[in-house]
């Protein structure tokens, strides 16, 4: 996996539980999408494969996994939050909130 040192440094600033969540999400992105790269943009990790498609951010009480190109996302359970026309996000408060299958499907939808 092509991990960026600056993204690792960003993740290492989070709490211990948040680091586990961030690394789990990071791994899902890298395992789901071929030729993915990551970098720090807008002070947060952003994933791309020619175009930006997702980002991670941590706050005091949750991790945000955000998605670009939301017009391609199918979200029948209405798990995604956000009012905008270009971005939607998922708030993750614990490791148990991570839904790898759904996240992988969304990643494939927005990069496919």
C-alpha atoms as a PDB file:
ATOM      1  CA  UNK A   1       0.000   0.000   0.000  1.00  0.00           C
ATOM      2  CA  UNK A   2       1.233   3.427  -0.929  1.00  0.00           C
ATOM      3  CA  UNK A   3       1.042   5.262   2.400  1.00  0.00           C
ATOM      4  CA  UNK A   4       2.109   8.895   2.566  1.00  0.00           C
ATOM      5  CA  UNK A   5       4.298   9.824   5.549  1.00  0.00           C
ATOM      6  CA  UNK A   6       2.464  13.132   6.052  1.00  0.00           C
ATOM      7  CA  UNK A   7      -0.883  11.321   6.244  1.00  0.00           C
ATOM      8  CA  UNK A   8       0.585   8.971   8.838  1.00  0.00           C
ATOM      9  CA  UNK A   9       1.781  11.988  10.837  1.00  0.00           C
ATOM     10  CA  UNK A  10      -1.732  13.489  10.669  1.00  0.00           C
ATOM     11  CA  UNK A  11      -3.290  10.248  11.926  1.00  0.00           C
ATOM     12  CA  UNK A  12      -0.753   9.958  14.747  1.00  0.00           C
ATOM     13  CA  UNK A  13      -2.066  13.244  16.219  1.00  0.00           C
ATOM     14  CA  UNK A  14      -5.470  11.677  16.960  1.00  0.00           C
ATOM     15  CA  UNK A  15      -6.481   9.814  20.115  1.00  0.00           C
ATOM     16  CA  UNK A  16      -5.667   6.121  20.428  1.00  0.00           C
ATOM     17  CA  UNK A  17      -9.199   4.992  19.509  1.00  0.00           C
ATOM     18  CA  UNK A  18      -9.368   7.477  16.647  1.00  0.00           C
ATOM     19  CA  UNK A  19      -6.060   6.192  15.263  1.00  0.00           C
ATOM     20  CA  UNK A  20      -7.552   2.693  15.060  1.00  0.00           C
ATOM     21  CA  UNK A  21     -10.592   4.052  13.207  1.00  0.00           C
ATOM     22  CA  UNK A  22      -8.507   6.216  10.856  1.00  0.00           C
ATOM     23  CA  UNK A  23      -6.104   3.377  10.027  1.00  0.00           C
ATOM     24  CA  UNK A  24      -9.003   0.980   9.449  1.00  0.00           C
ATOM     25  CA  UNK A  25     -10.664   3.414   7.038  1.00  0.00           C
ATOM     26  CA  UNK A  26      -7.352   4.120   5.328  1.00  0.00           C
ATOM     27  CA  UNK A  27      -6.816   0.395   4.811  1.00  0.00           C
ATOM     28  CA  UNK A  28     -10.324  -0.032   3.358  1.00  0.00           C
ATOM     29  CA  UNK A  29      -9.620   2.736   0.826  1.00  0.00           C
ATOM     30  CA  UNK A  30      -6.291   1.212  -0.220  1.00  0.00           C
ATOM     31  CA  UNK A  31      -7.680  -2.323  -0.442  1.00  0.00           C
ATOM     32  CA  UNK A  32     -10.738  -1.233  -2.444  1.00  0.00           C
ATOM     33  CA  UNK A  33      -9.259   1.178  -4.987  1.00  0.00           C
ATOM     34  CA  UNK A  34      -6.383   0.361  -7.342  1.00  0.00           C
ATOM     35  CA  UNK A  35      -3.626   2.924  -7.791  1.00  0.00           C
ATOM     36  CA  UNK A  36      -4.860   5.108  -4.949  1.00  0.00           C
ATOM     37  CA  UNK A  37      -2.617   7.832  -3.611  1.00  0.00           C
ATOM     38  CA  UNK A  38      -3.013   9.978  -0.538  1.00  0.00           C
ATOM     39  CA  UNK A  39      -1.794  13.401   0.440  1.00  0.00           C
ATOM     40  CA  UNK A  40      -2.541  16.211   2.826  1.00  0.00           C
ATOM     41  CA  UNK A  41      -4.799  18.840   1.242  1.00  0.00           C
ATOM     42  CA  UNK A  42      -6.793  21.430   3.134  1.00  0.00           C
ATOM     43  CA  UNK A  43      -5.084  20.163   6.320  1.00  0.00           C
ATOM     44  CA  UNK A  44      -6.550  16.650   6.055  1.00  0.00           C
ATOM     45  CA  UNK A  45      -5.818  13.365   4.253  1.00  0.00           C
ATOM     46  CA  UNK A  46      -7.308  13.258   0.753  1.00  0.00           C
ATOM     47  CA  UNK A  47      -7.395  10.141  -1.434  1.00  0.00           C
ATOM     48  CA  UNK A  48      -7.211  10.228  -5.202  1.00  0.00           C
ATOM     49  CA  UNK A  49      -6.709   8.075  -8.271  1.00  0.00           C
ATOM     50  CA  UNK A  50      -6.248  10.872 -10.761  1.00  0.00           C
ATOM     51  CA  UNK A  51      -9.036  12.877  -9.098  1.00  0.00           C
ATOM     52  CA  UNK A  52      -9.851  13.417  -5.441  1.00  0.00           C
ATOM     53  CA  UNK A  53     -12.592  11.044  -4.299  1.00  0.00           C
ATOM     54  CA  UNK A  54     -12.515  10.859  -0.476  1.00  0.00           C
ATOM     55  CA  UNK A  55     -11.081  12.466   2.637  1.00  0.00           C
ATOM     56  CA  UNK A  56     -10.590  11.785   6.338  1.00  0.00           C
ATOM     57  CA  UNK A  57     -10.743  14.190   9.245  1.00  0.00           C
ATOM     58  CA  UNK A  58     -10.816  13.773  12.984  1.00  0.00           C
ATOM     59  CA  UNK A  59     -12.670  15.926  15.505  1.00  0.00           C
ATOM     60  CA  UNK A  60     -13.076  15.622  19.266  1.00  0.00           C
ATOM     61  CA  UNK A  61     -15.961  13.160  19.158  1.00  0.00           C
ATOM     62  CA  UNK A  62     -15.884  11.531  15.728  1.00  0.00           C
ATOM     63  CA  UNK A  63     -14.037  10.729  12.524  1.00  0.00           C
ATOM     64  CA  UNK A  64     -15.374  12.054   9.243  1.00  0.00           C
ATOM     65  CA  UNK A  65     -15.046  10.006   6.086  1.00  0.00           C
ATOM     66  CA  UNK A  66     -16.096  12.300   3.267  1.00  0.00           C
ATOM     67  CA  UNK A  67     -16.849  11.613  -0.360  1.00  0.00           C
ATOM     68  CA  UNK A  68     -16.633  13.715  -3.503  1.00  0.00           C
ATOM     69  CA  UNK A  69     -18.715  12.946  -6.645  1.00  0.00           C
ATOM     70  CA  UNK A  70     -21.755  12.226  -4.514  1.00  0.00           C
ATOM     71  CA  UNK A  71     -24.043  12.084  -7.529  1.00  0.00           C
ATOM     72  CA  UNK A  72     -22.706   8.547  -8.051  1.00  0.00           C
ATOM     73  CA  UNK A  73     -23.423   7.367  -4.492  1.00  0.00           C
ATOM     74  CA  UNK A  74     -26.317   5.074  -3.703  1.00  0.00           C
ATOM     75  CA  UNK A  75     -27.282   5.392  -0.027  1.00  0.00           C
ATOM     76  CA  UNK A  76     -30.615   3.608   0.596  1.00  0.00           C
ATOM     77  CA  UNK A  77     -30.078   3.623   4.387  1.00  0.00           C
ATOM     78  CA  UNK A  78     -29.443   7.407   4.441  1.00  0.00           C
ATOM     79  CA  UNK A  79     -26.215   6.999   6.373  1.00  0.00           C
ATOM     80  CA  UNK A  80     -24.503   9.920   4.673  1.00  0.00           C
ATOM     81  CA  UNK A  81     -24.771  13.442   6.033  1.00  0.00           C
ATOM     82  CA  UNK A  82     -24.364  16.824   4.380  1.00  0.00           C
ATOM     83  CA  UNK A  83     -26.489  19.397   2.636  1.00  0.00           C
ATOM     84  CA  UNK A  84     -24.177  20.294  -0.240  1.00  0.00           C
ATOM     85  CA  UNK A  85     -24.324  19.294  -3.866  1.00  0.00           C
ATOM     86  CA  UNK A  86     -20.746  18.042  -4.120  1.00  0.00           C
ATOM     87  CA  UNK A  87     -19.790  16.455  -0.783  1.00  0.00           C
ATOM     88  CA  UNK A  88     -21.366  14.003   1.661  1.00  0.00           C
ATOM     89  CA  UNK A  89     -19.813  12.429   4.709  1.00  0.00           C
ATOM     90  CA  UNK A  90     -20.136   9.665   7.242  1.00  0.00           C
ATOM     91  CA  UNK A  91     -19.476  10.352  10.938  1.00  0.00           C
ATOM     92  CA  UNK A  92     -17.836   7.457  12.737  1.00  0.00           C
ATOM     93  CA  UNK A  93     -17.733   7.543  16.526  1.00  0.00           C
ATOM     94  CA  UNK A  94     -16.361   4.062  17.245  1.00  0.00           C
ATOM     95  CA  UNK A  95     -14.789   1.091  15.497  1.00  0.00           C
ATOM     96  CA  UNK A  96     -18.201  -0.607  15.653  1.00  0.00           C
ATOM     97  CA  UNK A  97     -19.637   2.153  13.420  1.00  0.00           C
ATOM     98  CA  UNK A  98     -17.390   1.137  10.519  1.00  0.00           C
ATOM     99  CA  UNK A  99     -19.306  -0.686   7.783  1.00  0.00           C
ATOM    100  CA  UNK A 100     -16.528  -1.982   5.490  1.00  0.00           C
ATOM    101  CA  UNK A 101     -18.835  -3.496   2.867  1.00  0.00           C
ATOM    102  CA  UNK A 102     -20.892  -0.318   2.443  1.00  0.00           C
ATOM    103  CA  UNK A 103     -17.802   1.919   2.456  1.00  0.00           C
ATOM    104  CA  UNK A 104     -16.128  -0.276  -0.182  1.00  0.00           C
ATOM    105  CA  UNK A 105     -19.253  -0.152  -2.345  1.00  0.00           C
ATOM    106  CA  UNK A 106     -19.370   3.653  -2.092  1.00  0.00           C
ATOM    107  CA  UNK A 107     -15.676   3.920  -2.961  1.00  0.00           C
ATOM    108  CA  UNK A 108     -16.225   1.754  -6.031  1.00  0.00           C
ATOM    109  CA  UNK A 109     -19.260   3.818  -7.051  1.00  0.00           C
ATOM    110  CA  UNK A 110     -17.443   7.152  -6.906  1.00  0.00           C
ATOM    111  CA  UNK A 111     -14.286   5.916  -8.629  1.00  0.00           C
ATOM    112  CA  UNK A 112     -15.947   3.659 -11.195  1.00  0.00           C
END
